[in-house]
Amino acid sequence: MPPRRRTNHSNTGFTGVRLRPGGCFAAEISAAGVRVWLGTFNSKEEAARAYDAAVWRFARPCHQMNFPEVSSLEEATFLAPVPQFASAAEERHHRQGQRRITIAEVDEQFMAQWRREHPQDMVNMRNFWKEKQVERRAKRVGKRQRRAEYEAEYAKGDASAWSPNDERWLYIISTTASEDTPSDDESIDWD
C-alpha cells in the first residue's frame, strides 16, 4: 500500500481556512512560526481569497494558493473581502496580525536587498555552514571509530592491551552498565 499523503487542506477543502463554531469561516496563515489570524468570513471561498492575498504578500509559491489562477498581489487583494468583526477585541487581533504580516514583508524585502548588495557575504555564509557540516560529520565518524575500538577491547576481556586503570574503561563501563545490570524482572526470584 503506498504511503498516505498528508494534505494541508482543512475539512473546508481550502488551505488556511477552518469552520468556526458559529458557522462562519476563519482564515489564518503561518508567518515566521507564528499563526496570523486573517479574519472571519461568511463563506469558505471568501476566507480562501483572504488566505491567497496573504500568500501573495509573503511571496510564497503558487502551489500554496487556493486559487492559483490569480496572477498578482493586486488582483488577490482586490478579490479578498474585508473580514467581519464580532467585537473590538477581534478587530484588534486582526490589526495585530496585519502588523505581523507587514513586518515580515519588510524583513523579506530587506533580506532580498541585502543578498543583492552583498553577494560575497552569502558565499561566505554558505561556505561557513558547509565547513560546519564537514566538521560535524568528521566528529561523528571519530566517535564511531572510538566506540568500535572500545567495544573491541572490551570483547577481548583479560587479553586487552589496556591497563586496568585506563580511563577508556570508564567509557565502556558507563555505556555497557545498563546492559550488564539485570532488570527488576530478572532480579526477582518468584519461586
Protein backbone atom coordinates (compact mmCIF):
# COMPACT_ATOMS: atom_id res chain seq x y z
CA MET A 1 0.00 0.00 0.00
CA PRO A 2 1.50 3.40 -0.94
CA PRO A 3 2.14 5.89 1.87
CA ARG A 4 -0.71 8.25 2.60
CA ARG A 5 -0.07 11.85 1.74
CA ARG A 6 -0.98 14.42 4.30
CA THR A 7 -2.86 17.30 2.75
CA ASN A 8 -2.75 20.78 4.16
CA HIS A 9 -6.40 21.33 3.29
CA SER A 10 -8.73 21.54 6.24
CA ASN A 11 -12.19 20.00 6.35
CA THR A 12 -13.39 23.01 4.32
CA GLY A 13 -11.38 21.96 1.29
CA PHE A 14 -9.21 25.10 1.37
CA THR A 15 -5.76 25.68 2.80
CA GLY A 16 -5.70 28.08 5.75
CA VAL A 17 -9.48 28.05 6.23
CA ARG A 18 -11.41 26.46 9.08
CA LEU A 19 -15.04 26.40 10.13
CA ARG A 20 -15.78 28.27 13.35
CA PRO A 21 -18.44 27.07 15.80
CA GLY A 22 -20.79 29.95 14.87
CA GLY A 23 -20.94 28.82 11.23
CA CYS A 24 -18.50 31.45 9.92
CA PHE A 25 -15.13 30.67 8.38
CA ALA A 26 -11.77 31.81 9.76
CA ALA A 27 -8.65 32.33 7.66
CA GLU A 28 -5.14 32.15 9.09
CA ILE A 29 -1.60 31.74 7.82
CA SER A 30 1.68 30.85 9.49
CA ALA A 31 4.34 33.55 9.28
CA ALA A 32 7.79 33.04 10.76
CA GLY A 33 6.49 30.32 13.05
CA VAL A 34 3.58 32.44 14.27
CA ARG A 35 -0.02 31.85 13.27
CA VAL A 36 -1.52 35.07 11.91
CA TRP A 37 -5.30 35.39 12.01
CA LEU A 38 -6.60 36.96 8.80
CA GLY A 39 -10.25 37.33 9.79
CA THR A 40 -13.70 35.78 9.90
CA PHE A 41 -15.77 35.47 6.73
CA ASN A 42 -19.28 34.41 5.73
CA SER A 43 -18.17 31.80 3.21
CA LYS A 44 -15.22 29.49 2.85
CA GLU A 45 -14.42 30.95 -0.58
CA GLU A 46 -14.08 34.46 0.91
CA ALA A 47 -11.77 33.12 3.61
CA ALA A 48 -9.73 31.27 0.97
CA ARG A 49 -9.40 34.53 -1.03
CA ALA A 50 -8.08 36.30 2.08
CA TYR A 51 -5.59 33.47 2.60
CA ASP A 52 -4.44 33.77 -1.03
CA ALA A 53 -3.85 37.51 -0.61
CA ALA A 54 -1.60 36.73 2.38
CA VAL A 55 0.23 34.06 0.34
CA TRP A 56 0.93 36.70 -2.31
CA ARG A 57 2.09 39.19 0.33
CA PHE A 58 4.60 36.66 1.64
CA ALA A 59 5.74 35.86 -1.92
CA ARG A 60 5.12 32.16 -1.40
CA PRO A 61 4.87 29.69 -4.28
CA CYS A 62 1.63 29.40 -6.25
CA HIS A 63 1.08 25.78 -5.20
CA GLN A 64 0.28 27.07 -1.69
CA MET A 65 -2.65 29.10 -3.03
CA ASN A 66 -6.27 28.01 -3.06
CA PHE A 67 -6.92 29.83 -6.37
CA PRO A 68 -3.70 29.58 -8.42
CA GLU A 69 -5.26 31.40 -11.37
CA VAL A 70 -4.80 34.73 -9.54
CA SER A 71 -1.82 36.35 -11.23
CA SER A 72 -0.79 39.26 -8.97
CA LEU A 73 -0.87 40.65 -5.46
CA GLU A 74 -3.16 43.46 -6.61
CA GLU A 75 -5.66 41.00 -8.05
CA ALA A 76 -5.55 38.82 -4.93
CA THR A 77 -6.04 41.86 -2.68
CA PHE A 78 -8.93 43.10 -4.84
CA LEU A 79 -10.65 39.69 -4.69
CA ALA A 80 -10.14 39.29 -0.93
CA PRO A 81 -13.14 40.61 1.03
CA VAL A 82 -12.91 42.70 4.18
CA PRO A 83 -13.27 40.47 7.26
CA GLN A 84 -16.20 40.87 9.63
CA PHE A 85 -15.53 41.60 13.30
CA ALA A 86 -17.81 40.46 16.11
CA SER A 87 -16.05 42.57 18.73
CA ALA A 88 -13.42 45.23 19.27
CA ALA A 89 -11.07 42.51 20.54
CA GLU A 90 -11.41 40.62 17.25
CA GLU A 91 -10.67 43.79 15.31
CA ARG A 92 -7.59 44.46 17.49
CA HIS A 93 -6.45 40.85 16.94
CA HIS A 94 -6.82 41.37 13.17
CA ARG A 95 -4.76 44.59 13.26
CA GLN A 96 -2.01 42.80 15.19
CA GLY A 97 -1.94 40.09 12.52
CA GLN A 98 -1.72 42.68 9.76
CA ARG A 99 1.20 44.35 11.55
CA ARG A 100 2.97 40.99 11.73
CA ILE A 101 2.45 40.46 8.03
CA THR A 102 3.80 43.94 7.27
CA ILE A 103 6.88 43.35 9.44
CA ALA A 104 7.52 40.00 7.76
CA GLU A 105 7.19 41.65 4.33
CA VAL A 106 9.69 44.37 5.25
CA ASP A 107 12.09 41.77 6.66
CA GLU A 108 11.90 39.74 3.45
CA GLN A 109 12.46 42.84 1.30
CA PHE A 110 15.42 43.90 3.44
CA MET A 111 16.98 40.43 3.27
CA ALA A 112 16.50 40.29 -0.51
CA GLN A 113 18.15 43.70 -0.86
CA TRP A 114 20.99 42.62 1.43
CA ARG A 115 21.54 39.45 -0.62
CA ARG A 116 21.73 41.52 -3.83
CA GLU A 117 24.11 44.11 -2.36
CA HIS A 118 26.38 41.66 -0.51
CA PRO A 119 26.74 38.51 -2.61
CA GLN A 120 30.16 37.75 -1.07
CA ASP A 121 28.55 37.58 2.38
CA MET A 122 26.14 34.98 1.06
CA VAL A 123 29.04 32.96 -0.38
CA ASN A 124 30.92 33.26 2.93
CA MET A 125 27.84 32.17 4.88
CA ARG A 126 27.27 29.13 2.66
CA ASN A 127 30.96 28.17 2.95
CA PHE A 128 30.82 28.57 6.74
CA TRP A 129 27.87 26.18 7.03
CA LYS A 130 29.48 23.70 4.64
CA GLU A 131 32.62 23.69 6.82
CA LYS A 132 30.48 23.18 9.92
CA GLN A 133 28.74 20.26 8.24
CA VAL A 134 32.09 18.67 7.33
CA GLU A 135 33.32 19.18 10.93
CA ARG A 136 30.20 17.55 12.36
CA ARG A 137 30.50 14.58 10.02
CA ALA A 138 34.19 14.12 10.91
CA LYS A 139 33.35 14.31 14.61
CA ARG A 140 30.63 11.66 14.23
CA VAL A 141 32.98 9.38 12.30
CA GLY A 142 35.65 9.81 15.00
CA LYS A 143 33.13 8.95 17.72
CA ARG A 144 32.06 5.83 15.86
CA GLN A 145 35.67 4.74 15.39
CA ARG A 146 36.49 5.26 19.07
CA ARG A 147 33.38 3.38 20.13
CA ALA A 148 34.26 0.46 17.84
CA GLU A 149 37.80 0.45 19.29
CA TYR A 150 36.47 0.46 22.87
CA GLU A 151 34.00 -2.32 22.14
CA ALA A 152 36.73 -4.42 20.51
CA GLU A 153 38.96 -4.01 23.61
CA TYR A 154 36.03 -4.85 25.88
CA ALA A 155 35.34 -8.02 23.88
CA LYS A 156 38.98 -9.15 24.43
CA GLY A 157 38.44 -9.20 28.19
CA ASP A 158 41.63 -10.16 30.09
CA ALA A 159 43.64 -10.21 26.84
CA SER A 160 43.15 -6.45 26.42
CA ALA A 161 46.24 -4.28 25.95
CA TRP A 162 44.75 -1.57 28.18
CA SER A 163 45.85 -1.37 31.78
CA PRO A 164 43.19 -1.92 34.47
CA ASN A 165 43.34 1.78 35.43
CA ASP A 166 42.96 3.10 31.88
CA GLU A 167 40.28 5.84 31.66
CA ARG A 168 38.91 4.33 28.49
CA TRP A 169 37.43 1.53 30.63
CA LEU A 170 35.16 4.11 32.28
CA TYR A 171 33.57 4.84 28.95
CA ILE A 172 33.00 1.13 28.32
CA ILE A 173 31.60 0.56 31.79
CA SER A 174 29.28 3.57 31.59
CA THR A 175 27.89 2.57 28.19
CA THR A 176 27.52 -1.12 28.98
CA ALA A 177 26.45 -0.86 32.63
CA SER A 178 22.77 -0.87 31.78
CA GLU A 179 23.30 -3.99 29.66
CA ASP A 180 25.11 -5.84 32.49
CA THR A 181 22.65 -4.91 35.23
CA PRO A 182 19.66 -7.21 35.43
CA SER A 183 16.30 -5.54 35.11
CA ASP A 184 13.86 -5.64 38.02
CA ASP A 185 12.01 -8.52 36.41
CA GLU A 186 15.15 -10.64 36.15
CA SER A 187 16.45 -9.99 39.68
CA ILE A 188 13.29 -11.07 41.48
CA ASP A 189 13.06 -14.75 42.32
CA TRP A 190 9.36 -15.63 42.19
CA ASP A 191 9.77 -19.25 43.45
